[in-house]
Protein backbone atom coordinates (compact mmCIF):
# COMPACT_ATOMS: atom_id res chain seq x y z
CA UNK A 1 -15.05 -31.40 4.70
CA UNK A 2 -12.31 -29.11 6.44
CA UNK A 3 -12.66 -25.49 7.08
CA UNK A 4 -9.74 -22.86 7.13
CA UNK A 5 -10.12 -19.46 8.77
CA UNK A 6 -8.39 -16.38 7.24
CA UNK A 7 -7.60 -13.20 9.42
CA UNK A 8 -8.12 -10.53 6.76
CA UNK A 9 -10.43 -10.35 3.95
CA UNK A 10 -8.39 -8.46 1.19
CA UNK A 11 -7.22 -9.83 -2.07
CA UNK A 12 -4.98 -12.21 -0.47
CA UNK A 13 -7.78 -13.75 1.38
CA UNK A 14 -9.78 -13.92 -1.82
CA UNK A 15 -7.26 -15.84 -3.58
CA UNK A 16 -6.50 -18.22 -0.48
CA UNK A 17 -10.33 -18.97 -0.42
CA UNK A 18 -10.35 -19.50 -4.06
CA UNK A 19 -7.75 -22.19 -4.06
CA UNK A 20 -9.27 -23.67 -0.75
CA UNK A 21 -12.51 -24.54 -2.75
CA UNK A 22 -10.52 -25.99 -5.55
CA UNK A 23 -8.96 -28.44 -2.90
CA UNK A 24 -12.43 -29.21 -1.51
CA UNK A 25 -11.78 -26.93 1.65
CA UNK A 26 -14.25 -24.37 3.04
CA UNK A 27 -13.04 -20.94 4.04
CA UNK A 28 -14.17 -18.28 6.50
CA UNK A 29 -12.81 -14.80 6.72
CA UNK A 30 -12.75 -12.10 9.40
CA UNK A 31 -12.38 -8.42 8.21
CA UNK A 32 -13.59 -5.06 9.62
CA UNK A 33 -14.95 -3.84 6.16
CA UNK A 34 -18.42 -5.42 5.23
CA UNK A 35 -17.40 -5.20 1.56
CA UNK A 36 -14.05 -7.15 1.76
CA UNK A 37 -13.20 -8.72 -1.52
CA UNK A 38 -12.86 -12.35 0.24
CA UNK A 39 -16.33 -12.30 1.62
CA UNK A 40 -17.64 -12.92 -2.06
CA UNK A 41 -16.28 -16.16 -2.25
CA UNK A 42 -15.95 -17.50 1.38
CA UNK A 43 -18.50 -19.99 2.88
CA UNK A 44 -19.07 -17.52 5.76
CA UNK A 45 -17.46 -14.51 7.02
CA UNK A 46 -17.25 -12.36 10.31
CA UNK A 47 -17.25 -8.44 10.21
CA UNK A 48 -15.15 -7.37 13.21
CA UNK A 49 -12.00 -5.28 13.95
CA UNK A 50 -8.74 -7.40 13.99
CA UNK A 51 -8.57 -6.43 17.84
CA UNK A 52 -11.69 -8.07 18.57
CA UNK A 53 -10.85 -10.86 20.69
CA UNK A 54 -14.34 -12.54 20.96
CA UNK A 55 -14.63 -12.35 17.11
CA UNK A 56 -11.19 -13.82 16.54
CA UNK A 57 -12.00 -16.61 18.97
CA UNK A 58 -15.44 -17.37 17.17
CA UNK A 59 -13.38 -17.56 13.81
CA UNK A 60 -11.07 -20.14 15.46
CA UNK A 61 -13.80 -22.12 16.87
CA UNK A 62 -15.49 -22.98 13.69
CA UNK A 63 -12.39 -23.69 11.62
CA UNK A 64 -9.88 -26.76 11.41
CA UNK A 65 -7.01 -24.14 10.96
CA UNK A 66 -6.50 -20.49 10.71
CA UNK A 67 -3.98 -18.31 9.03
CA UNK A 68 -3.42 -14.44 8.45
CA UNK A 69 -3.19 -12.46 5.37
CA UNK A 70 -2.89 -9.09 7.36
CA UNK A 71 0.52 -8.42 9.05
CA UNK A 72 -0.57 -6.32 11.80
CA UNK A 73 -2.88 -8.59 14.02
CA UNK A 74 -2.16 -7.53 17.62
CA UNK A 75 -0.10 -10.01 19.40
CA UNK A 76 -1.68 -9.76 22.80
CA UNK A 77 -4.70 -11.32 21.03
CA UNK A 78 -3.02 -13.75 18.65
CA UNK A 79 -0.47 -15.36 20.99
CA UNK A 80 -3.19 -16.74 23.42
CA UNK A 81 -5.38 -17.78 20.60
CA UNK A 82 -2.32 -19.71 19.24
CA UNK A 83 -2.15 -21.62 22.41
CA UNK A 84 -5.94 -22.72 22.35
CA UNK A 85 -6.66 -23.35 18.73
CA UNK A 86 -4.66 -24.32 15.30
CA UNK A 87 -3.02 -21.55 13.99
CA UNK A 88 -0.23 -23.60 12.51
CA UNK A 89 2.21 -20.93 11.61
CA UNK A 90 2.04 -19.74 15.02
CA UNK A 91 2.88 -16.19 15.97
CA UNK A 92 6.65 -15.88 15.62
CA UNK A 93 6.92 -15.20 12.03
CA UNK A 94 4.45 -12.46 12.26
CA UNK A 95 6.12 -11.20 15.36
CA UNK A 96 9.46 -11.15 13.80
CA UNK A 97 8.09 -9.13 10.74
CA UNK A 98 6.02 -6.54 12.53
CA UNK A 99 9.03 -4.39 13.43
CA UNK A 100 11.67 -3.41 10.82
CA UNK A 101 14.51 -3.36 13.48
CA UNK A 102 13.58 -6.79 14.87
CA UNK A 103 13.18 -8.02 11.43
CA UNK A 104 16.70 -6.94 10.27
CA UNK A 105 18.33 -8.17 13.41
CA UNK A 106 16.70 -11.61 13.13
CA UNK A 107 17.84 -11.93 9.67
CA UNK A 108 21.24 -10.96 10.56
CA UNK A 109 21.38 -13.48 13.39
CA UNK A 110 20.32 -16.23 11.37
CA UNK A 111 22.82 -15.87 8.54
CA UNK A 112 21.50 -13.23 6.02
CA UNK A 113 23.26 -10.30 4.99
CA UNK A 114 21.40 -7.06 5.56
CA UNK A 115 22.25 -3.26 4.82
CA UNK A 116 23.83 -1.81 7.90
CA UNK A 117 21.18 -0.21 10.08
CA UNK A 118 20.54 1.73 13.30
CA UNK A 119 17.54 2.23 15.60
CA UNK A 120 16.48 5.86 15.63
CA UNK A 121 14.10 7.47 18.12
CA UNK A 122 14.85 11.13 17.91
CA UNK A 123 16.79 13.99 16.17
CA UNK A 124 20.04 13.23 17.97
CA UNK A 125 19.94 9.54 17.37
CA UNK A 126 19.27 10.18 13.68
CA UNK A 127 22.10 12.56 13.46
CA UNK A 128 24.58 9.95 15.24
CA UNK A 129 23.00 7.21 12.78
CA UNK A 130 23.72 9.32 9.92
CA UNK A 131 27.46 9.87 10.91
CA UNK A 132 27.82 6.14 11.33
CA UNK A 133 26.21 4.87 8.11
CA UNK A 134 26.84 7.87 5.91
CA UNK A 135 24.30 9.24 3.11
CA UNK A 136 22.44 8.38 1.22
CA UNK A 137 20.36 6.30 3.74
CA UNK A 138 16.78 5.44 4.15
CA UNK A 139 14.59 6.35 7.22
CA UNK A 140 11.66 4.04 7.92
CA UNK A 141 9.08 3.80 10.67
CA UNK A 142 9.75 0.54 12.38
CA UNK A 143 5.97 -0.61 12.31
CA UNK A 144 3.11 -0.34 9.97
CA UNK A 145 4.92 1.00 6.89
CA UNK A 146 3.97 -0.48 3.43
CA UNK A 147 3.92 0.29 -0.27
CA UNK A 148 6.55 3.07 0.33
CA UNK A 149 4.52 4.52 3.01
CA UNK A 150 6.45 5.57 6.19
CA UNK A 151 9.79 6.13 4.73
CA UNK A 152 12.01 8.56 3.15
CA UNK A 153 15.35 8.65 1.42
CA UNK A 154 17.98 11.10 2.87
CA UNK A 155 20.44 12.23 0.36
CA UNK A 156 21.95 15.25 2.11
CA UNK A 157 22.13 16.89 5.36
CA UNK A 158 19.15 19.11 4.43
CA UNK A 159 16.86 15.98 4.34
CA UNK A 160 17.40 15.53 7.92
CA UNK A 161 15.22 18.36 8.96
CA UNK A 162 12.58 17.39 6.53
CA UNK A 163 12.61 13.84 7.91
CA UNK A 164 12.01 14.85 11.74
CA UNK A 165 8.22 14.47 11.16
CA UNK A 166 8.72 10.71 10.77
CA UNK A 167 10.27 10.59 14.19
CA UNK A 168 6.94 10.84 16.12
CA UNK A 169 7.24 6.96 16.13
CA UNK A 170 10.29 4.83 16.42
CA UNK A 171 12.20 4.51 13.09
CA UNK A 172 15.36 2.66 11.71
CA UNK A 173 17.96 4.12 9.52
CA UNK A 174 19.26 1.74 6.96
CA UNK A 175 22.22 1.95 4.72
CA UNK A 176 21.30 2.71 1.06
CA UNK A 177 22.17 -0.10 -1.43
CA UNK A 178 22.77 0.85 -4.89
CA UNK A 179 21.37 -2.26 -6.08
CA UNK A 180 21.23 -3.68 -9.55
CA UNK A 181 17.67 -5.28 -9.14
CA UNK A 182 15.29 -6.35 -6.49
CA UNK A 183 14.05 -9.98 -6.40
CA UNK A 184 11.95 -12.14 -4.04
CA UNK A 185 11.22 -15.53 -3.14
CA UNK A 186 8.07 -17.33 -1.87
CA UNK A 187 8.28 -20.49 0.20
CA UNK A 188 6.10 -22.75 2.02
CA UNK A 189 7.37 -25.18 4.58
CA UNK A 190 5.92 -28.10 6.71
CA UNK A 191 7.85 -30.20 8.97
CA UNK A 192 9.12 -32.48 6.23
CA UNK A 193 10.30 -29.95 3.62
CA UNK A 194 10.52 -26.57 2.17
CA UNK A 195 9.17 -25.89 -1.37
CA UNK A 196 10.27 -22.82 -3.27
CA UNK A 197 8.80 -20.80 -6.15
CA UNK A 198 11.07 -19.48 -8.89
CA UNK A 199 12.79 -16.25 -7.97
CA UNK A 200 11.31 -13.19 -9.51
CA UNK A 201 12.65 -9.88 -10.37
CA UNK A 202 10.46 -6.99 -8.94
CA UNK A 203 10.16 -3.54 -10.30
CA UNK A 204 8.64 -0.85 -8.28
CA UNK A 205 7.08 2.41 -9.15
CA UNK A 206 6.49 5.12 -6.37
CA UNK A 207 7.32 2.38 -3.62
CA UNK A 208 4.48 0.02 -5.00
CA UNK A 209 5.22 -3.28 -6.89
CA UNK A 210 4.65 -2.68 -10.67
CA UNK A 211 6.12 -5.81 -12.44
CA UNK A 212 7.29 -9.22 -11.26
CA UNK A 213 9.33 -11.00 -14.02
CA UNK A 214 9.97 -14.56 -13.96
CA UNK A 215 12.61 -15.93 -14.14
CA UNK A 216 14.71 -13.18 -12.70
CA UNK A 217 17.49 -12.12 -15.09
CA UNK A 218 20.47 -12.59 -12.72
CA UNK A 219 23.43 -14.95 -12.38
CA UNK A 220 22.04 -18.44 -11.92
CA UNK A 221 24.48 -18.92 -9.06
CA UNK A 222 23.40 -15.80 -7.19
CA UNK A 223 19.71 -17.08 -7.72
CA UNK A 224 20.59 -20.42 -6.24
CA UNK A 225 22.33 -19.19 -3.37
CA UNK A 226 19.44 -16.89 -2.77
CA UNK A 227 17.01 -19.89 -2.70
CA UNK A 228 19.21 -22.06 -0.49
CA UNK A 229 19.93 -19.34 1.96
CA UNK A 230 16.22 -18.38 2.21
CA UNK A 231 15.46 -22.19 2.87
CA UNK A 232 18.11 -22.53 5.47
CA UNK A 233 16.84 -19.15 7.11
CA UNK A 234 13.27 -20.39 7.37
CA UNK A 235 14.32 -23.80 8.99
CA UNK A 236 16.89 -21.84 11.34
CA UNK A 237 14.00 -19.46 12.67
CA UNK A 238 11.65 -22.47 13.10
CA UNK A 239 9.00 -20.99 10.67
CA UNK A 240 6.26 -23.15 8.94
CA UNK A 241 3.62 -22.24 6.48
CA UNK A 242 4.36 -19.48 3.92
CA UNK A 243 7.13 -16.98 3.75
CA UNK A 244 8.12 -14.33 1.14
CA UNK A 245 11.63 -12.56 1.25
CA UNK A 246 12.57 -9.69 -0.71
CA UNK A 247 16.16 -9.08 -1.54
CA UNK A 248 18.31 -6.38 -3.16
CA UNK A 249 21.05 -7.83 -5.70
CA UNK A 250 24.28 -5.86 -6.25
CA UNK A 251 26.73 -7.73 -8.48
CA UNK A 252 27.16 -11.06 -6.64
CA UNK A 253 25.99 -9.83 -3.30
CA UNK A 254 22.44 -10.49 -1.80
CA UNK A 255 20.93 -8.26 0.66
CA UNK A 256 17.91 -9.14 2.91
CA UNK A 257 15.30 -6.33 2.53
CA UNK A 258 12.18 -7.44 4.25
CA UNK A 259 10.03 -10.54 4.74
CA UNK A 260 6.23 -11.42 4.98
CA UNK A 261 4.68 -14.70 6.65
CA UNK A 262 1.54 -14.45 4.12
CA UNK A 263 1.19 -14.76 0.31
CA UNK A 264 2.86 -12.09 -1.31
CA UNK A 265 2.16 -9.62 -4.24
CA UNK A 266 5.05 -10.73 -6.15
CA UNK A 267 3.91 -14.34 -6.00
CA UNK A 268 0.61 -13.82 -7.86
CA UNK A 269 2.19 -14.83 -11.01
CA UNK A 270 2.25 -18.55 -9.69
CA UNK A 271 -1.40 -18.86 -10.11
CA UNK A 272 -1.11 -19.45 -13.87
CA UNK A 273 2.76 -19.27 -14.26
CA UNK A 274 3.53 -22.49 -11.96
CA UNK A 275 2.30 -25.91 -11.79
CA UNK A 276 1.08 -24.96 -8.37
CA UNK A 277 0.75 -21.72 -6.61
CA UNK A 278 1.51 -20.20 -3.51
CA UNK A 279 -2.10 -19.86 -2.19
CA UNK A 280 -2.79 -23.53 -3.02
CA UNK A 281 0.54 -24.73 -1.02
CA UNK A 282 -0.57 -22.52 1.80
CA UNK A 283 -3.81 -24.49 1.97
CA UNK A 284 -2.22 -27.77 1.62
CA UNK A 285 0.11 -26.78 4.68
CA UNK A 286 -2.94 -25.62 6.61
CA UNK A 287 -4.96 -28.88 6.09
CA UNK A 288 -1.99 -31.19 6.54
CA UNK A 289 -1.63 -32.27 2.89
CA UNK A 290 1.82 -33.08 1.27
CA UNK A 291 3.19 -30.10 -0.20
CA UNK A 292 3.96 -30.16 -4.11
CA UNK A 293 7.18 -28.87 -5.57
CA UNK A 294 6.32 -26.24 -8.12
CA UNK A 295 7.74 -25.86 -11.57
CA UNK A 296 7.62 -22.74 -13.87
CA UNK A 297 5.30 -23.22 -16.81
CA UNK A 298 6.87 -20.73 -19.06
CA UNK A 299 8.59 -17.24 -18.68
CA UNK A 300 5.88 -15.11 -16.90
CA UNK A 301 5.32 -11.27 -16.35
CA UNK A 302 2.91 -10.27 -13.60
CA UNK A 303 1.49 -6.59 -13.78
CA UNK A 304 -0.12 -5.01 -10.78
CA UNK A 305 -3.32 -3.13 -11.62
CA UNK A 306 -3.70 0.02 -9.58
CA UNK A 307 -6.73 2.36 -9.54
CA UNK A 308 -5.40 4.29 -12.60
CA UNK A 309 -4.90 1.16 -14.55
CA UNK A 310 -8.44 -0.45 -13.90
CA UNK A 311 -10.16 0.69 -17.13
CA UNK A 312 -7.08 -0.39 -19.25
CA UNK A 313 -7.13 -3.80 -17.50
CA UNK A 314 -10.88 -4.27 -18.19
CA UNK A 315 -10.29 -3.68 -21.78
CA UNK A 316 -7.49 -6.13 -21.87
CA UNK A 317 -9.91 -8.51 -20.16
CA UNK A 318 -12.49 -8.14 -23.04
CA UNK A 319 -9.85 -9.17 -25.47
CA UNK A 320 -9.65 -12.64 -24.03
CA UNK A 321 -6.08 -13.26 -25.20
CA UNK A 322 -4.37 -16.71 -24.80
CA UNK A 323 -1.92 -16.63 -21.86
CA UNK A 324 -3.33 -13.39 -20.48
CA UNK A 325 -5.01 -13.73 -17.19
CA UNK A 326 -6.74 -10.85 -15.74
CA UNK A 327 -7.66 -10.81 -11.97
CA UNK A 328 -9.90 -7.90 -10.90
CA UNK A 329 -10.24 -8.22 -7.04
CA UNK A 330 -13.74 -6.67 -6.91
CA UNK A 331 -12.90 -3.68 -4.35
CA UNK A 332 -15.98 -1.35 -4.29
CA UNK A 333 -13.69 1.88 -4.15
CA UNK A 334 -11.10 2.53 -6.76
CA UNK A 335 -8.38 5.16 -6.38
CA UNK A 336 -5.01 5.88 -7.62
CA UNK A 337 -2.23 3.65 -6.22
CA UNK A 338 -4.85 1.27 -4.62
CA UNK A 339 -4.03 -2.39 -5.65
CA UNK A 340 -7.23 -3.46 -7.73
CA UNK A 341 -6.12 -6.54 -9.50
CA UNK A 342 -3.33 -7.87 -11.53
CA UNK A 343 -2.71 -9.32 -14.81
CA UNK A 344 -0.50 -12.48 -15.57
CA UNK A 345 1.10 -12.88 -18.88
CA UNK A 346 2.20 -16.47 -19.29
CA UNK A 347 4.76 -17.28 -22.03
CA UNK A 348 6.16 -13.75 -21.95
CA UNK A 349 9.54 -12.09 -21.24
CA UNK A 350 10.04 -8.55 -19.68
CA UNK A 351 11.34 -7.27 -23.04
CA UNK A 352 8.19 -8.45 -24.91
CA UNK A 353 6.01 -6.87 -22.21
CA UNK A 354 7.84 -3.54 -22.69
CA UNK A 355 7.56 -3.45 -26.45
CA UNK A 356 3.90 -4.72 -26.63
CA UNK A 357 2.07 -4.01 -23.47
CA UNK A 358 3.69 -1.31 -21.24
CA UNK A 359 2.16 1.60 -23.07
CA UNK A 360 -1.23 0.44 -22.34
CA UNK A 361 -0.96 1.36 -18.80
CA UNK A 362 -0.14 4.52 -16.75
CA UNK A 363 3.62 4.88 -16.56
């Protein structure tokens, strides 16, 4: 029996391990939290910091292949491990995604359209960038930002003063795109092929994904172009394994926003909404099995469950409705805006969700 290792024991690690078991594969996770959700289902686990080189090496030694569900694994540790052990995705997609300036530059160099952007390190370079890009614009920290953290929209000159505290670390200023919608695509690639999951429309609240609606309501030609250019991008960069890309859609224009070389929140709908899912195809890639092309089972809506929605989600779970799948991640501490689970509604459109379900959750 093969064993995969997962650097990170959050909900993504949990769902990777669940799919590994369905394929007859063992799973071992490493995470600094002794109560990490993935530990409940893994065959073994290691409690250690992500920068603990000895613990990471111990994980690699006991596994046939290793992946990561946490994006900020230090490169000075992971790069030498990639040379000694089987970490099939390697470090490059992780490295390219860890710095927003590097990420945007890499996307542009490999044929994707991005918002205009400029590096910002201090007040002077911020003011220069504002003059070049205009307002509104979005100031973001180059590293460690997630779910709306580490960024600020600048709408007027007065916002520049309020943004200065962000400049304690290197930042990037990006042109603000008045988009019609946000969308994302998840792909898994091996040396033979790239398989893509259907593009979903994403709706955020307070910088955190709230809903993914599949299929995305957009021009079919635009969605097909997004799929083809994403697959070309993955191949041109030499990436393998799993990759999610988020885009802004404005009219017929598509703008790269960001990418993640791991399973993606917007792809959770695939567990029940597709004939195969993002976690299963990642495991297939890791153990060297042929990838399967996913097909959408039916229109699907995925609702993120944050701390403030947890009780409502538990009530939905008790109702045991057909086509409604409640996933609670088992985190020991619930707090507002923390991702505690998700609900997948298979056979449902965004319009039906708004009419029949939206009022049951915090808005």
